[in-house]
Amino acid sequence: MRLNKRPPRGLGPSRLQASWLKGSAFLIFLAAIVLFATVLVARFSHARLTSYFLISVLGGLCFAIALHARYLILLRRDNQKTANTLDITGREFKSIFQNALDGILILDNQGICIEANPAASAILGVEQEQLLGHSLGEFYSNPQSFADNWASFLEKKYQRGSADFVRSDGLPLFVDYTAAADYSPGRHVVILCDVTQKVNAERCLKESEDRFQLMANNIQEVFWMMNANTKEIVYVSEAYEAITGHTLAEIRENPSSYKELVHPQDRARFLTKLEEAGITRTFDEEFRIVRPDGVSRWIWCKGSSAPAFDAGGTPLWLVGIAQDITTRKHAEQEIAKHLAEAEAARAEADALRKATLTLTQNLRMDELLDTLLQTLLTIVPYDSACVLLTDTEQSFLVARQMPRETNRKNVVILEVSHYHFLQKVLMTRNSVLLENTRNESEWRDSPAFGGARSWICIPLVVSENLVGLLSVSSKESGRFTREHLRLAKSLALSAAVAIQNARLYERAEIYASELELQVKLLKETQAALEQTQGRSRGTEH
């Protein structure tokens, strides 16, 4: 390895040692000058030098030389230590260079590789001998990009970044690099870190996230994720906006705002079940939300805990979907409504069948009328009702009334001319429904009507012959509807026939009684005649 090395701090001669070396050298120099000057002066002045003086000068010179020699020896020892330290440091640097996991390249000013460690060869997929003498730009997927980056690097002296390489075997290579210029004149260090696996993993993760986002954004259901502890939304798909009418920005700004969307009547149940989900780890509820335009929508929300738990075994996340089931709910309601109507129609038909059977089998007028009014009460909620049978062309007889008035003993006859609506029914043979008699100026009450506020009157017609009227009353205005009128008319059809049959039966009984009486009288007359004839024969004999 041809890296220039500087001695570590603390190595080499100290300042004190250098000062002593300079001082001893100066003393030697000074002693030599004094001795030389003394000799010259003595020679030219023909003066005699004393031995003491010469001995003193020579002694000082010897001392200075000895002192200088001492520090030269100490300096040699320090230099040896420095050399050893530098050798150890060099071996350390070489070991790091050879065994570093990151690639280290030494490049010249043209980007030509001068030195490379084994990691660099492994990363680039080329032998170390083949790497030396080649430009680093040969490994760039875009050589022009290397030229631009290298020029910028030489100008700025330092650079960090990422680069797309191509290995010698043609496989793509992604590296993060750090480059430092002129660590030595014309020498530059580039350190490469192989991040191919990281980049590939990030790309796979990004592709997976993109696929998930594409799926989440193109399904009608809302995909959501929330914190199992705080119940705050951490992710929700774009379908949230279409279903709730609120933007994603709102739920991101306030992760608990979804709770305010739940219909007030469903909110307590929803929040209770949501809290229980932290224990049961499942959530499956149907509830209503209220959109900003005031429209209610039915939502089916189902979720479960994600496979991530804290130290206590409590789930960290709840994930699930939410689906708009308003159409299904409306369909279920329609089906339930139709089923209820069908059941009501079946019950109505069954009741009418039984009533018709009962009415047609019963030929006793009193029992027939009681049965009629009792059956009517099961399908029309009245307060009072009565059957008016025709008495004359302009009057009706109150034949039966419910509830019965126990204190009534007189027969009640209603004159048609006194009651406008009775006259209207008599003339048109059409039913009448009054939702509020107070709004009818021509209304006139009667004990037979029981203080009616809602009133129904249905003609009882058989073969275009009016046999009577069915009057139904309620003390509450608006109590009767068109449906009640329809049900009462259905019952009135069979009731009219039954009443006509009961009348015929009564007349037949009357005729039978009269016939039986006539037969009895005839027999008595015949017996008296025979007795008289017998007596006459006895007298003749």
Protein backbone atom coordinates (compact mmCIF):
# COMPACT_ATOMS: atom_id res chain seq x y z
CA MET A 1 0.00 0.00 0.00
CA ARG A 2 1.43 3.33 -1.05
CA LEU A 3 -0.28 5.72 1.32
CA ASN A 4 1.87 8.56 2.76
CA LYS A 5 1.76 8.54 6.53
CA ARG A 6 2.26 11.33 9.02
CA PRO A 7 3.66 10.51 12.48
CA PRO A 8 1.03 10.46 15.15
CA ARG A 9 0.86 13.35 17.58
CA GLY A 10 3.27 12.89 20.50
CA LEU A 11 5.97 11.10 18.45
CA GLY A 12 9.44 12.68 17.58
CA PRO A 13 11.66 15.00 19.75
CA SER A 14 9.92 17.07 22.38
CA ARG A 15 10.29 20.86 22.63
CA LEU A 16 12.49 20.55 25.73
CA GLN A 17 14.81 18.07 24.01
CA ALA A 18 15.05 20.28 20.95
CA SER A 19 15.91 23.26 23.16
CA TRP A 20 18.67 21.31 24.92
CA LEU A 21 20.06 20.19 21.55
CA LYS A 22 20.14 23.77 20.32
CA GLY A 23 21.68 24.97 23.60
CA SER A 24 24.43 22.35 23.65
CA ALA A 25 25.27 23.02 20.03
CA PHE A 26 25.45 26.74 20.78
CA LEU A 27 27.77 26.14 23.75
CA ILE A 28 30.07 23.99 21.64
CA PHE A 29 30.06 26.63 18.95
CA LEU A 30 30.70 29.38 21.48
CA ALA A 31 33.51 27.47 23.19
CA ALA A 32 35.15 26.81 19.83
CA ILE A 33 34.96 30.49 18.91
CA VAL A 34 36.42 31.57 22.27
CA LEU A 35 39.22 29.09 21.99
CA PHE A 36 39.97 30.07 18.41
CA ALA A 37 39.84 33.78 19.25
CA THR A 38 42.11 33.30 22.24
CA VAL A 39 44.67 31.47 20.15
CA LEU A 40 44.63 34.22 17.50
CA VAL A 41 44.94 37.00 20.05
CA ALA A 42 47.79 35.25 21.80
CA ARG A 43 49.62 34.69 18.54
CA PHE A 44 49.38 38.22 17.22
CA SER A 45 49.91 39.90 20.54
CA HIS A 46 52.65 37.52 21.56
CA ALA A 47 50.87 37.20 24.89
CA ARG A 48 51.18 34.04 26.89
CA LEU A 49 48.05 32.12 27.74
CA THR A 50 47.77 30.75 31.22
CA SER A 51 47.20 27.06 31.59
CA TYR A 52 44.19 27.69 33.81
CA PHE A 53 42.49 29.62 31.16
CA LEU A 54 43.07 26.95 28.51
CA ILE A 55 42.00 24.22 30.84
CA SER A 56 38.77 26.12 31.60
CA VAL A 57 37.99 26.65 27.94
CA LEU A 58 38.77 23.06 27.03
CA GLY A 59 36.72 21.82 29.99
CA GLY A 60 33.70 23.87 28.92
CA LEU A 61 34.10 22.58 25.39
CA CYS A 62 34.27 18.99 26.56
CA PHE A 63 31.19 19.51 28.75
CA ALA A 64 29.25 20.96 25.84
CA ILE A 65 30.33 18.08 23.61
CA ALA A 66 29.32 15.52 26.23
CA LEU A 67 25.98 17.23 26.76
CA HIS A 68 25.34 17.28 23.04
CA ALA A 69 26.28 13.62 22.69
CA ARG A 70 23.88 12.72 25.47
CA TYR A 71 20.97 14.33 23.76
CA LEU A 72 21.93 12.85 20.41
CA ILE A 73 21.66 9.43 22.02
CA LEU A 74 18.26 10.32 23.50
CA LEU A 75 17.13 11.67 20.14
CA ARG A 76 18.12 8.42 18.44
CA ARG A 77 16.08 6.44 20.93
CA ASP A 78 13.02 8.67 20.30
CA ASN A 79 13.44 8.29 16.56
CA GLN A 80 13.53 4.53 16.94
CA LYS A 81 10.33 4.60 18.95
CA THR A 82 8.73 6.83 16.32
CA ALA A 83 9.77 4.46 13.56
CA ASN A 84 8.31 1.50 15.45
CA THR A 85 5.06 3.38 16.07
CA LEU A 86 4.86 4.38 12.42
CA ASP A 87 5.42 0.78 11.39
CA ILE A 88 2.62 -0.42 13.70
CA THR A 89 0.30 2.32 12.45
CA GLY A 90 1.12 1.39 8.87
CA ARG A 91 0.28 -2.24 9.50
CA GLU A 92 -2.98 -1.17 11.15
CA PHE A 93 -3.91 1.01 8.19
CA LYS A 94 -3.00 -1.81 5.82
CA SER A 95 -5.10 -4.29 7.81
CA ILE A 96 -8.07 -1.92 7.74
CA PHE A 97 -7.55 -1.31 4.05
CA GLN A 98 -7.36 -5.02 3.25
CA ASN A 99 -10.19 -6.18 5.53
CA ALA A 100 -12.72 -3.35 5.33
CA LEU A 101 -16.21 -4.42 4.22
CA ASP A 102 -16.57 -1.28 2.13
CA GLY A 103 -14.61 -0.86 -1.07
CA ILE A 104 -11.68 1.62 -0.94
CA LEU A 105 -10.22 2.96 -4.17
CA ILE A 106 -7.21 5.26 -4.69
CA LEU A 107 -7.67 7.26 -7.90
CA ASP A 108 -5.53 9.76 -9.75
CA ASN A 109 -6.68 13.03 -11.29
CA GLN A 110 -8.18 11.20 -14.31
CA GLY A 111 -10.17 8.77 -12.13
CA ILE A 112 -7.80 5.89 -12.92
CA CYS A 113 -7.58 3.29 -10.17
CA ILE A 114 -4.11 3.19 -8.58
CA GLU A 115 -4.94 1.03 -5.58
CA ALA A 116 -8.00 -0.99 -4.53
CA ASN A 117 -8.77 -3.20 -1.56
CA PRO A 118 -10.31 -6.70 -1.89
CA ALA A 119 -13.76 -5.41 -0.90
CA ALA A 120 -13.75 -3.04 -3.90
CA SER A 121 -12.87 -5.93 -6.22
CA ALA A 122 -15.66 -8.05 -4.74
CA ILE A 123 -18.22 -5.26 -5.02
CA LEU A 124 -17.33 -4.48 -8.64
CA GLY A 125 -17.01 -8.17 -9.53
CA VAL A 126 -13.50 -7.94 -11.00
CA GLU A 127 -10.06 -9.17 -9.98
CA GLN A 128 -7.88 -6.64 -8.20
CA GLU A 129 -5.16 -6.82 -10.89
CA GLN A 130 -7.77 -6.14 -13.60
CA LEU A 131 -9.15 -3.18 -11.68
CA LEU A 132 -5.81 -1.34 -11.44
CA GLY A 133 -5.16 1.02 -14.31
CA HIS A 134 -8.83 1.27 -15.30
CA SER A 135 -11.14 4.24 -14.87
CA LEU A 136 -13.94 4.02 -12.30
CA GLY A 137 -16.21 5.47 -14.97
CA GLU A 138 -16.08 2.13 -16.82
CA PHE A 139 -18.38 0.71 -14.12
CA TYR A 140 -20.95 3.52 -14.28
CA SER A 141 -24.20 2.65 -16.03
CA ASN A 142 -24.02 6.16 -17.52
CA PRO A 143 -20.36 7.13 -18.21
CA GLN A 144 -21.35 10.76 -18.85
CA SER A 145 -22.72 10.92 -15.33
CA PHE A 146 -19.30 9.89 -13.99
CA ALA A 147 -17.54 12.57 -16.02
CA ASP A 148 -19.86 15.27 -14.64
CA ASN A 149 -19.59 14.02 -11.07
CA TRP A 150 -15.77 13.71 -11.28
CA ALA A 151 -15.35 17.26 -12.51
CA SER A 152 -17.56 18.55 -9.72
CA PHE A 153 -15.67 16.43 -7.19
CA LEU A 154 -12.25 17.79 -8.19
CA GLU A 155 -13.63 21.30 -7.82
CA LYS A 156 -15.32 20.81 -4.43
CA LYS A 157 -12.70 18.36 -3.03
CA TYR A 158 -15.40 16.31 -1.31
CA GLN A 159 -18.51 14.48 -2.43
CA ARG A 160 -21.13 12.06 -1.11
CA GLY A 161 -23.94 10.44 -3.05
CA SER A 162 -25.37 7.37 -4.75
CA ALA A 163 -24.51 5.87 -8.11
CA ASP A 164 -25.80 3.16 -10.45
CA PHE A 165 -23.00 0.77 -11.47
CA VAL A 166 -22.84 -2.27 -13.69
CA ARG A 167 -20.69 -5.15 -12.44
CA SER A 168 -18.30 -6.92 -14.74
CA ASP A 169 -20.84 -9.78 -15.02
CA GLY A 170 -23.52 -7.34 -16.25
CA LEU A 171 -25.60 -7.30 -13.05
CA PRO A 172 -26.85 -3.92 -11.82
CA LEU A 173 -25.06 -2.51 -8.79
CA PHE A 174 -26.19 0.30 -6.51
CA VAL A 175 -23.64 1.98 -4.23
CA ASP A 176 -23.42 4.83 -1.77
CA TYR A 177 -20.03 6.54 -2.00
CA THR A 178 -17.89 9.05 -0.15
CA ALA A 179 -14.97 10.72 -1.96
CA ALA A 180 -12.18 12.92 -0.55
CA ALA A 181 -9.75 14.70 -2.90
CA ASP A 182 -5.99 15.29 -2.56
CA TYR A 183 -5.24 13.39 0.60
CA SER A 184 -1.89 13.49 -1.16
CA PRO A 185 -1.25 15.65 -4.22
CA GLY A 186 -2.91 13.98 -7.17
CA ARG A 187 -4.30 11.16 -5.04
CA HIS A 188 -8.01 10.78 -4.16
CA VAL A 189 -9.87 8.30 -1.94
CA VAL A 190 -13.27 6.86 -2.90
CA ILE A 191 -15.14 4.59 -0.47
CA LEU A 192 -17.95 2.42 -1.92
CA CYS A 193 -20.80 0.83 0.08
CA ASP A 194 -22.84 -1.85 -1.71
CA VAL A 195 -26.54 -1.04 -1.13
CA THR A 196 -27.92 -3.23 -3.92
CA GLN A 197 -29.90 -5.47 -1.57
CA LYS A 198 -31.26 -2.45 0.27
CA VAL A 199 -32.28 -0.73 -2.96
CA ASN A 200 -33.86 -3.92 -4.32
CA ALA A 201 -35.73 -4.43 -1.04
CA GLU A 202 -36.92 -0.82 -1.10
CA ARG A 203 -38.05 -1.20 -4.70
CA CYS A 204 -39.89 -4.44 -3.91
CA LEU A 205 -41.50 -2.73 -0.92
CA LYS A 206 -42.43 0.25 -3.08
CA GLU A 207 -43.90 -2.01 -5.76
CA SER A 208 -45.83 -3.91 -3.08
CA GLU A 209 -47.10 -0.64 -1.60
CA ASP A 210 -48.06 0.60 -5.07
CA ARG A 211 -49.98 -2.62 -5.78
CA PHE A 212 -51.70 -2.42 -2.42
CA GLN A 213 -52.53 1.25 -2.95
CA LEU A 214 -53.84 0.50 -6.44
CA MET A 215 -56.03 -2.27 -5.09
CA ALA A 216 -57.19 -0.22 -2.09
CA ASN A 217 -58.04 2.79 -4.26
CA ASN A 218 -60.00 0.79 -6.83
CA ILE A 219 -62.33 -1.24 -4.64
CA GLN A 220 -65.65 0.04 -3.37
CA GLU A 221 -64.95 -1.06 0.20
CA VAL A 222 -63.02 1.14 2.62
CA PHE A 223 -59.82 -0.48 3.85
CA TRP A 224 -58.81 0.83 7.27
CA MET A 225 -56.23 0.34 10.01
CA MET A 226 -56.44 1.72 13.52
CA ASN A 227 -54.44 1.73 16.74
CA ALA A 228 -55.96 -1.03 18.90
CA ASN A 229 -55.31 0.95 22.08
CA THR A 230 -56.30 4.52 21.20
CA LYS A 231 -58.79 3.56 18.43
CA GLU A 232 -57.29 6.25 16.20
CA ILE A 233 -57.24 5.68 12.44
CA VAL A 234 -53.70 5.33 11.05
CA TYR A 235 -54.70 4.49 7.47
CA VAL A 236 -57.86 4.65 5.39
CA SER A 237 -58.33 4.15 1.65
CA GLU A 238 -59.78 6.69 -0.79
CA ALA A 239 -63.20 4.99 -0.81
CA TYR A 240 -63.72 6.71 2.56
CA GLU A 241 -64.45 9.96 0.77
CA ALA A 242 -67.06 8.44 -1.57
CA ILE A 243 -68.94 6.62 1.22
CA THR A 244 -68.83 9.20 4.04
CA GLY A 245 -68.65 12.44 2.05
CA HIS A 246 -65.68 13.60 4.17
CA THR A 247 -62.15 14.15 2.88
CA LEU A 248 -59.09 12.11 3.80
CA ALA A 249 -57.49 15.30 5.12
CA GLU A 250 -60.13 15.49 7.86
CA ILE A 251 -59.52 11.95 9.13
CA ARG A 252 -55.75 12.49 8.97
CA GLU A 253 -56.01 15.74 10.91
CA ASN A 254 -58.34 14.19 13.50
CA PRO A 255 -57.91 10.36 13.52
CA SER A 256 -60.94 9.93 15.84
CA SER A 257 -63.38 12.03 13.79
CA TYR A 258 -64.97 8.90 12.30
CA LYS A 259 -66.83 8.38 15.59
CA GLU A 260 -68.85 11.55 15.00
CA LEU A 261 -70.14 10.14 11.69
CA VAL A 262 -72.01 7.29 13.38
CA HIS A 263 -75.76 7.88 13.70
CA PRO A 264 -76.65 9.03 17.27
CA GLN A 265 -78.97 6.06 17.72
CA ASP A 266 -76.20 3.59 16.83
CA ARG A 267 -73.19 5.41 18.34
CA ALA A 268 -73.30 3.95 21.86
CA ARG A 269 -73.54 0.38 20.55
CA PHE A 270 -70.82 1.05 17.98
CA LEU A 271 -68.35 2.48 20.51
CA THR A 272 -69.04 -0.34 22.98
CA LYS A 273 -68.36 -3.02 20.37
CA LEU A 274 -65.25 -1.15 19.25
CA GLU A 275 -63.84 -1.16 22.78
CA GLU A 276 -64.62 -4.86 23.13
CA ALA A 277 -62.67 -5.52 19.92
CA GLY A 278 -59.45 -4.83 21.82
CA ILE A 279 -60.24 -7.94 23.92
CA THR A 280 -62.13 -10.17 21.48
CA ARG A 281 -59.77 -9.14 18.63
CA THR A 282 -62.73 -9.11 16.21
CA PHE A 283 -65.24 -6.47 15.14
CA ASP A 284 -68.34 -7.16 13.04
CA GLU A 285 -71.14 -4.61 13.15
CA GLU A 286 -73.80 -2.97 10.99
CA PHE A 287 -74.59 0.66 11.77
CA ARG A 288 -75.67 3.91 10.19
CA ILE A 289 -73.62 6.99 9.41
CA VAL A 290 -74.82 10.51 8.60
CA ARG A 291 -73.21 12.21 5.60
CA PRO A 292 -72.66 15.99 5.51
CA ASP A 293 -75.75 16.33 3.28
CA GLY A 294 -77.85 14.73 6.04
CA VAL A 295 -78.39 11.45 4.19
CA SER A 296 -78.06 8.30 6.30
CA ARG A 297 -76.13 5.32 4.93
CA TRP A 298 -75.92 1.79 6.29
CA ILE A 299 -72.35 0.51 6.81
CA TRP A 300 -71.11 -3.01 7.45
CA CYS A 301 -67.73 -2.92 9.17
CA LYS A 302 -65.64 -6.02 9.83
CA GLY A 303 -62.12 -6.20 11.23
CA SER A 304 -59.68 -8.22 13.31
CA SER A 305 -56.37 -7.76 15.08
CA ALA A 306 -53.18 -7.72 13.00
CA PRO A 307 -50.43 -10.25 13.89
CA ALA A 308 -48.48 -7.71 15.94
CA PHE A 309 -48.62 -7.63 19.74
CA ASP A 310 -46.99 -5.74 22.59
CA ALA A 311 -45.09 -7.34 25.48
CA GLY A 312 -48.36 -8.11 27.26
CA GLY A 313 -49.86 -9.91 24.28
CA THR A 314 -52.27 -7.08 23.45
CA PRO A 315 -52.76 -6.50 19.71
CA LEU A 316 -51.22 -3.30 18.39
CA TRP A 317 -53.44 -2.81 15.32
CA LEU A 318 -56.95 -3.52 14.13
CA VAL A 319 -57.43 -3.84 10.38
CA GLY A 320 -60.55 -4.41 8.33
CA ILE A 321 -62.96 -3.18 5.69
CA ALA A 322 -66.13 -1.07 5.71
CA GLN A 323 -68.79 -1.50 3.03
CA ASP A 324 -71.84 0.56 2.10
CA ILE A 325 -74.81 -1.84 2.44
CA THR A 326 -77.58 0.76 2.13
CA THR A 327 -78.95 -0.87 -1.04
CA ARG A 328 -79.01 -4.26 0.64
CA LYS A 329 -80.70 -2.84 3.73
CA HIS A 330 -83.36 -1.15 1.62
CA ALA A 331 -83.89 -4.40 -0.25
CA GLU A 332 -84.23 -6.27 3.05
CA GLN A 333 -86.72 -3.68 4.26
CA GLU A 334 -88.70 -3.99 1.05
CA ILE A 335 -88.66 -7.76 1.32
CA ALA A 336 -89.76 -7.54 4.96
CA LYS A 337 -92.47 -5.09 3.96
CA HIS A 338 -93.68 -7.36 1.17
CA LEU A 339 -93.55 -10.36 3.48
CA ALA A 340 -95.53 -8.43 6.07
CA GLU A 341 -98.04 -7.39 3.43
CA ALA A 342 -98.23 -10.94 2.15
CA GLU A 343 -98.70 -12.23 5.67
CA ALA A 344 -101.32 -9.59 6.35
CA ALA A 345 -103.07 -10.47 3.09
CA ARG A 346 -102.95 -14.15 3.98
CA ALA A 347 -104.28 -13.44 7.47
CA GLU A 348 -106.92 -11.17 5.97
CA ALA A 349 -107.95 -13.78 3.43
CA ASP A 350 -108.03 -16.44 6.13
CA ALA A 351 -110.08 -14.21 8.43
CA LEU A 352 -112.48 -13.30 5.65
CA ARG A 353 -112.78 -16.95 4.62
CA LYS A 354 -113.58 -17.98 8.17
CA ALA A 355 -115.93 -15.03 8.59
CA THR A 356 -117.68 -15.83 5.33
CA LEU A 357 -117.99 -19.48 6.29
CA THR A 358 -119.34 -18.53 9.71
CA LEU A 359 -121.73 -15.95 8.30
CA THR A 360 -123.07 -18.17 5.55
CA GLN A 361 -123.57 -21.13 7.87
CA ASN A 362 -125.42 -19.11 10.48
CA LEU A 363 -129.04 -18.35 9.55
CA ARG A 364 -130.04 -16.84 12.89
CA MET A 365 -130.15 -13.06 12.46
CA ASP A 366 -129.13 -12.20 16.02
CA GLU A 367 -126.18 -14.56 16.02
CA LEU A 368 -125.27 -13.47 12.49
CA LEU A 369 -125.11 -9.78 13.38
CA ASP A 370 -123.04 -10.46 16.54
CA THR A 371 -120.60 -12.53 14.53
CA LEU A 372 -120.38 -9.83 11.86
CA LEU A 373 -119.49 -7.06 14.32
CA GLN A 374 -117.01 -9.24 16.25
CA THR A 375 -115.24 -10.26 13.04
CA LEU A 376 -115.13 -6.63 11.88
CA LEU A 377 -113.33 -5.64 15.10
CA THR A 378 -110.44 -8.02 14.30
CA ILE A 379 -109.64 -6.19 11.06
CA VAL A 380 -110.83 -2.60 11.73
CA PRO A 381 -110.04 -0.99 15.15
CA TYR A 382 -113.37 0.74 15.83
CA ASP A 383 -114.87 2.20 19.03
CA SER A 384 -118.44 1.44 17.99
CA ALA A 385 -120.20 -0.18 15.06
CA CYS A 386 -123.74 -1.00 14.09
CA VAL A 387 -125.77 -2.78 11.41
CA LEU A 388 -128.64 -0.76 9.94
CA LEU A 389 -131.27 -2.88 8.16
CA THR A 390 -133.70 -1.36 5.70
CA ASP A 391 -137.06 -0.71 7.29
CA THR A 392 -138.68 1.36 4.58
CA GLU A 393 -137.34 3.07 1.51
CA GLN A 394 -136.39 6.13 3.60
CA SER A 395 -135.57 4.64 7.00
CA PHE A 396 -133.19 2.15 8.63
CA LEU A 397 -133.59 0.00 11.70
CA VAL A 398 -130.62 -0.27 14.12
CA ALA A 399 -130.56 -4.07 14.20
CA ARG A 400 -127.38 -4.53 16.26
CA GLN A 401 -124.80 -2.22 17.85
CA MET A 402 -121.47 -2.83 19.57
CA PRO A 403 -120.81 -2.14 22.30
CA ARG A 404 -124.37 -2.91 23.26
CA GLU A 405 -126.36 -0.34 25.22
CA THR A 406 -127.91 -2.42 28.01
CA ASN A 407 -130.35 0.32 29.03
CA ARG A 408 -131.82 0.65 25.54
CA LYS A 409 -135.27 -0.94 25.22
CA ASN A 410 -136.80 0.95 22.34
CA VAL A 411 -136.26 0.18 18.70
CA VAL A 412 -134.15 2.89 17.03
CA ILE A 413 -135.21 4.02 13.58
CA LEU A 414 -133.04 6.42 11.56
CA GLU A 415 -134.83 8.56 9.03
CA VAL A 416 -132.66 9.02 5.95
CA SER A 417 -133.90 12.55 5.39
CA HIS A 418 -132.30 13.61 8.72
CA TYR A 419 -128.82 12.35 7.84
CA HIS A 420 -127.14 13.73 4.74
CA PHE A 421 -124.47 11.02 4.46
CA LEU A 422 -126.98 8.18 4.91
CA GLN A 423 -128.96 9.72 2.13
CA LYS A 424 -125.81 9.95 -0.01
CA VAL A 425 -125.02 6.26 0.50
CA LEU A 426 -128.61 5.29 -0.18
CA MET A 427 -128.64 7.20 -3.46
CA THR A 428 -125.17 6.34 -4.80
CA ARG A 429 -124.76 2.87 -3.26
CA ASN A 430 -121.09 3.88 -2.66
CA SER A 431 -119.13 3.67 0.58
CA VAL A 432 -118.21 6.82 2.54
CA LEU A 433 -115.06 7.50 4.58
CA LEU A 434 -114.94 10.61 6.77
CA GLU A 435 -111.51 11.18 8.36
CA ASN A 436 -112.81 13.99 10.58
CA THR A 437 -116.52 14.64 10.99
CA ARG A 438 -115.81 18.07 12.51
CA ASN A 439 -114.70 19.21 9.09
CA GLU A 440 -118.04 18.16 7.56
CA SER A 441 -120.67 20.89 7.92
CA GLU A 442 -123.50 18.48 7.00
CA TRP A 443 -122.55 15.87 9.56
CA ARG A 444 -125.14 15.02 12.15
CA ASP A 445 -124.36 12.70 15.03
CA SER A 446 -126.63 9.97 16.38
CA PRO A 447 -126.48 7.50 19.29
CA ALA A 448 -126.02 4.84 16.63
CA PHE A 449 -122.78 6.56 15.52
CA GLY A 450 -121.33 6.75 19.06
CA GLY A 451 -119.95 10.31 18.84
CA ALA A 452 -117.88 9.49 15.73
CA ARG A 453 -114.90 11.60 14.67
CA SER A 454 -113.82 9.08 12.04
CA TRP A 455 -116.66 7.28 10.27
CA ILE A 456 -117.10 4.58 7.64
CA CYS A 457 -120.42 3.67 6.09
CA ILE A 458 -120.72 0.74 3.66
CA PRO A 459 -123.87 -0.28 1.80
CA LEU A 460 -124.91 -3.96 2.09
CA VAL A 461 -126.04 -4.84 -1.42
CA VAL A 462 -127.22 -8.17 -2.82
CA SER A 463 -128.13 -8.38 -6.50
CA GLU A 464 -128.44 -4.59 -6.63
CA ASN A 465 -130.86 -4.69 -3.70
CA LEU A 466 -129.88 -2.69 -0.59
CA VAL A 467 -130.45 -4.83 2.50
CA GLY A 468 -128.80 -2.45 4.97
CA LEU A 469 -125.78 -0.38 5.97
CA LEU A 470 -122.63 -1.15 7.97
CA SER A 471 -121.62 1.84 10.15
CA VAL A 472 -118.15 1.92 11.78
CA SER A 473 -117.13 4.75 14.14
CA SER A 474 -114.08 5.95 16.07
CA LYS A 475 -113.85 8.76 18.58
CA GLU A 476 -110.38 9.66 17.22
CA SER A 477 -110.14 11.73 14.07
CA GLY A 478 -108.04 10.27 11.24
CA ARG A 479 -108.23 6.80 12.76
CA PHE A 480 -109.52 5.04 9.65
CA THR A 481 -107.61 4.69 6.40
CA ARG A 482 -108.39 3.54 2.89
CA GLU A 483 -107.03 0.13 3.86
CA HIS A 484 -109.58 -0.11 6.67
CA LEU A 485 -112.29 0.85 4.22
CA ARG A 486 -111.13 -1.88 1.80
CA LEU A 487 -111.13 -4.53 4.53
CA ALA A 488 -114.57 -3.53 5.76
CA LYS A 489 -115.96 -3.62 2.20
CA SER A 490 -114.53 -7.12 1.71
CA LEU A 491 -116.35 -8.30 4.80
CA ALA A 492 -119.54 -6.47 3.80
CA LEU A 493 -119.87 -8.51 0.59
CA SER A 494 -120.34 -11.81 2.41
CA ALA A 495 -122.25 -10.11 5.24
CA ALA A 496 -124.88 -8.78 2.83
CA VAL A 497 -125.48 -12.26 1.42
CA ALA A 498 -125.64 -13.74 4.91
CA ILE A 499 -128.16 -11.11 6.05
CA GLN A 500 -130.27 -11.74 2.95
CA ASN A 501 -130.20 -15.48 3.66
CA ALA A 502 -131.06 -14.89 7.31
CA ARG A 503 -134.04 -12.79 6.26
CA LEU A 504 -135.20 -15.48 3.87
CA TYR A 505 -134.78 -18.04 6.61
CA GLU A 506 -136.83 -15.91 9.00
CA ARG A 507 -139.53 -15.56 6.39
CA ALA A 508 -139.45 -19.28 5.72
CA GLU A 509 -139.87 -19.93 9.43
CA ILE A 510 -142.82 -17.56 9.50
CA TYR A 511 -144.39 -19.25 6.48
CA ALA A 512 -143.73 -22.65 8.04
CA SER A 513 -145.36 -21.59 11.29
CA GLU A 514 -148.37 -20.23 9.46
CA LEU A 515 -148.57 -23.35 7.29
CA GLU A 516 -148.33 -25.58 10.36
CA LEU A 517 -151.10 -23.56 12.01
CA GLN A 518 -153.26 -23.85 8.88
CA VAL A 519 -152.65 -27.60 8.70
CA LYS A 520 -153.52 -27.92 12.36
CA LEU A 521 -156.74 -25.96 11.87
CA LEU A 522 -157.53 -28.05 8.80
CA LYS A 523 -157.02 -31.25 10.73
CA GLU A 524 -159.18 -29.99 13.56
CA THR A 525 -161.90 -28.99 11.06
CA GLN A 526 -161.66 -32.35 9.31
CA ALA A 527 -161.89 -34.16 12.63
CA ALA A 528 -164.93 -32.11 13.65
CA LEU A 529 -166.53 -32.83 10.28
CA GLU A 530 -165.96 -36.54 10.62
CA GLN A 531 -167.36 -36.46 14.11
CA THR A 532 -170.45 -34.63 12.91
CA GLN A 533 -170.94 -37.08 10.06
CA GLY A 534 -170.68 -40.00 12.49
CA ARG A 535 -173.30 -38.56 14.70
CA SER A 536 -175.59 -38.03 11.72
CA ARG A 537 -175.35 -41.70 10.70
CA GLY A 538 -176.17 -42.81 14.24
CA THR A 539 -179.28 -40.72 14.36
CA GLU A 540 -180.55 -42.14 11.09
CA HIS A 541 -180.25 -45.68 12.34
